[in-house]
Amino acid sequence: MLYFLIVIAVLLLAYAAVLVSFVRRGRKIPPQAYLVLALLNGLILAAVLAWAIAR
């Protein structure tokens, strides 16, 4: 489970870096990007809660 959390955290950081590069180039962030970001955040939150409960 710990490896799963690490993979999700790395994916979240990589996705945030892509969004930051969009902003630095002066492009608008697509509305779907916020949905994906919320989904990744929710996934890591659910995984952390499941991991904490299982311990």
N, C-alpha and C. Protein backbone atom coordinates (compact mmCIF):
# COMPACT_ATOMS: atom_id res chain seq x y z
N MET A 1 0.82 -1.19 0.00
CA MET A 1 0.00 0.00 0.00
C MET A 1 0.86 1.26 0.00
N LEU A 2 2.00 1.18 0.66
CA LEU A 2 2.88 2.34 0.71
C LEU A 2 3.40 2.69 -0.68
N TYR A 3 3.72 1.68 -1.47
CA TYR A 3 4.20 1.93 -2.82
C TYR A 3 3.11 2.57 -3.68
N PHE A 4 1.87 2.15 -3.47
CA PHE A 4 0.74 2.75 -4.19
C PHE A 4 0.62 4.23 -3.85
N LEU A 5 0.77 4.58 -2.57
CA LEU A 5 0.71 5.97 -2.16
C LEU A 5 1.84 6.78 -2.78
N ILE A 6 3.02 6.20 -2.84
CA ILE A 6 4.15 6.90 -3.43
C ILE A 6 3.92 7.14 -4.92
N VAL A 7 3.39 6.14 -5.62
CA VAL A 7 3.12 6.28 -7.05
C VAL A 7 2.08 7.37 -7.29
N ILE A 8 1.02 7.39 -6.51
CA ILE A 8 -0.03 8.41 -6.66
C ILE A 8 0.54 9.80 -6.36
N ALA A 9 1.38 9.91 -5.33
CA ALA A 9 1.97 11.20 -5.00
C ALA A 9 2.88 11.70 -6.12
N VAL A 10 3.65 10.81 -6.72
CA VAL A 10 4.51 11.20 -7.83
C VAL A 10 3.67 11.63 -9.04
N LEU A 11 2.60 10.90 -9.32
CA LEU A 11 1.70 11.29 -10.40
C LEU A 11 1.09 12.67 -10.16
N LEU A 12 0.71 12.93 -8.93
CA LEU A 12 0.13 14.23 -8.57
C LEU A 12 1.14 15.34 -8.76
N LEU A 13 2.37 15.12 -8.34
CA LEU A 13 3.40 16.14 -8.52
C LEU A 13 3.72 16.37 -10.00
N ALA A 14 3.77 15.30 -10.77
CA ALA A 14 4.04 15.45 -12.20
C ALA A 14 2.90 16.20 -12.89
N TYR A 15 1.69 15.89 -12.53
CA TYR A 15 0.54 16.57 -13.13
C TYR A 15 0.53 18.06 -12.76
N ALA A 16 0.86 18.35 -11.52
CA ALA A 16 0.94 19.75 -11.09
C ALA A 16 2.05 20.48 -11.84
N ALA A 17 3.15 19.81 -12.10
CA ALA A 17 4.24 20.42 -12.87
C ALA A 17 3.80 20.74 -14.29
N VAL A 18 3.00 19.85 -14.88
CA VAL A 18 2.48 20.10 -16.23
C VAL A 18 1.56 21.32 -16.23
N LEU A 19 0.72 21.42 -15.22
CA LEU A 19 -0.18 22.57 -15.13
C LEU A 19 0.58 23.87 -14.91
N VAL A 20 1.64 23.83 -14.12
CA VAL A 20 2.47 25.01 -13.90
C VAL A 20 3.14 25.43 -15.20
N SER A 21 3.59 24.45 -15.99
CA SER A 21 4.21 24.79 -17.27
C SER A 21 3.20 25.43 -18.22
N PHE A 22 1.95 25.00 -18.16
CA PHE A 22 0.90 25.64 -18.96
C PHE A 22 0.77 27.10 -18.59
N VAL A 23 0.74 27.38 -17.29
CA VAL A 23 0.55 28.75 -16.82
C VAL A 23 1.76 29.61 -17.18
N ARG A 24 2.95 29.06 -17.07
CA ARG A 24 4.15 29.83 -17.40
C ARG A 24 4.22 30.19 -18.87
N ARG A 25 3.66 29.35 -19.73
CA ARG A 25 3.63 29.64 -21.16
C ARG A 25 2.52 30.62 -21.52
N GLY A 26 1.71 30.98 -20.55
CA GLY A 26 0.63 31.92 -20.79
C GLY A 26 -0.64 31.28 -21.31
N ARG A 27 -0.71 29.97 -21.28
CA ARG A 27 -1.91 29.28 -21.76
C ARG A 27 -2.87 29.07 -20.60
N LYS A 28 -4.13 29.00 -20.93
CA LYS A 28 -5.15 28.75 -19.91
C LYS A 28 -5.16 27.27 -19.55
N ILE A 29 -5.48 26.99 -18.30
CA ILE A 29 -5.62 25.60 -17.85
C ILE A 29 -7.01 25.13 -18.26
N PRO A 30 -7.10 23.98 -18.94
CA PRO A 30 -8.43 23.47 -19.34
C PRO A 30 -9.28 23.13 -18.11
N PRO A 31 -10.58 23.32 -18.20
CA PRO A 31 -11.46 23.01 -17.05
C PRO A 31 -11.36 21.54 -16.61
N GLN A 32 -11.09 20.63 -17.56
CA GLN A 32 -10.99 19.22 -17.19
C GLN A 32 -9.78 18.98 -16.28
N ALA A 33 -8.78 19.85 -16.36
CA ALA A 33 -7.58 19.68 -15.55
C ALA A 33 -7.91 19.76 -14.06
N TYR A 34 -8.84 20.63 -13.72
CA TYR A 34 -9.23 20.75 -12.31
C TYR A 34 -9.93 19.47 -11.83
N LEU A 35 -10.71 18.87 -12.70
CA LEU A 35 -11.38 17.63 -12.35
C LEU A 35 -10.38 16.51 -12.12
N VAL A 36 -9.38 16.40 -12.99
CA VAL A 36 -8.35 15.37 -12.84
C VAL A 36 -7.55 15.62 -11.57
N LEU A 37 -7.22 16.87 -11.30
CA LEU A 37 -6.48 17.21 -10.09
C LEU A 37 -7.28 16.84 -8.84
N ALA A 38 -8.57 17.14 -8.84
CA ALA A 38 -9.42 16.77 -7.71
C ALA A 38 -9.52 15.26 -7.57
N LEU A 39 -9.58 14.56 -8.69
CA LEU A 39 -9.64 13.09 -8.66
C LEU A 39 -8.38 12.50 -8.05
N LEU A 40 -7.21 13.00 -8.46
CA LEU A 40 -5.96 12.49 -7.90
C LEU A 40 -5.85 12.81 -6.41
N ASN A 41 -6.27 14.01 -6.02
CA ASN A 41 -6.25 14.36 -4.60
C ASN A 41 -7.19 13.47 -3.80
N GLY A 42 -8.38 13.22 -4.32
CA GLY A 42 -9.33 12.35 -3.64
C GLY A 42 -8.81 10.93 -3.53
N LEU A 43 -8.14 10.46 -4.58
CA LEU A 43 -7.59 9.11 -4.57
C LEU A 43 -6.50 8.96 -3.51
N ILE A 44 -5.62 9.93 -3.42
CA ILE A 44 -4.56 9.83 -2.41
C ILE A 44 -5.13 9.98 -1.00
N LEU A 45 -6.15 10.81 -0.84
CA LEU A 45 -6.77 10.96 0.47
C LEU A 45 -7.46 9.66 0.89
N ALA A 46 -8.18 9.04 -0.03
CA ALA A 46 -8.83 7.76 0.27
C ALA A 46 -7.81 6.68 0.58
N ALA A 47 -6.71 6.66 -0.16
CA ALA A 47 -5.68 5.65 0.08
C ALA A 47 -5.02 5.86 1.44
N VAL A 48 -4.77 7.09 1.80
CA VAL A 48 -4.15 7.37 3.11
C VAL A 48 -5.10 6.96 4.23
N LEU A 49 -6.39 7.28 4.08
CA LEU A 49 -7.36 6.87 5.10
C LEU A 49 -7.47 5.35 5.20
N ALA A 50 -7.51 4.67 4.07
CA ALA A 50 -7.57 3.21 4.10
C ALA A 50 -6.33 2.61 4.73
N TRP A 51 -5.18 3.19 4.42
CA TRP A 51 -3.92 2.70 5.00
C TRP A 51 -3.89 2.93 6.51
N ALA A 52 -4.39 4.09 6.96
CA ALA A 52 -4.40 4.40 8.39
C ALA A 52 -5.37 3.48 9.14
N ILE A 53 -6.52 3.20 8.54
CA ILE A 53 -7.50 2.34 9.19
C ILE A 53 -7.00 0.90 9.26
N ALA A 54 -6.29 0.48 8.21
CA ALA A 54 -5.80 -0.91 8.17
C ALA A 54 -4.68 -1.15 9.17
N ARG A 55 -4.00 -0.13 9.59
CA ARG A 55 -2.90 -0.31 10.54
C ARG A 55 -3.44 -0.53 11.87
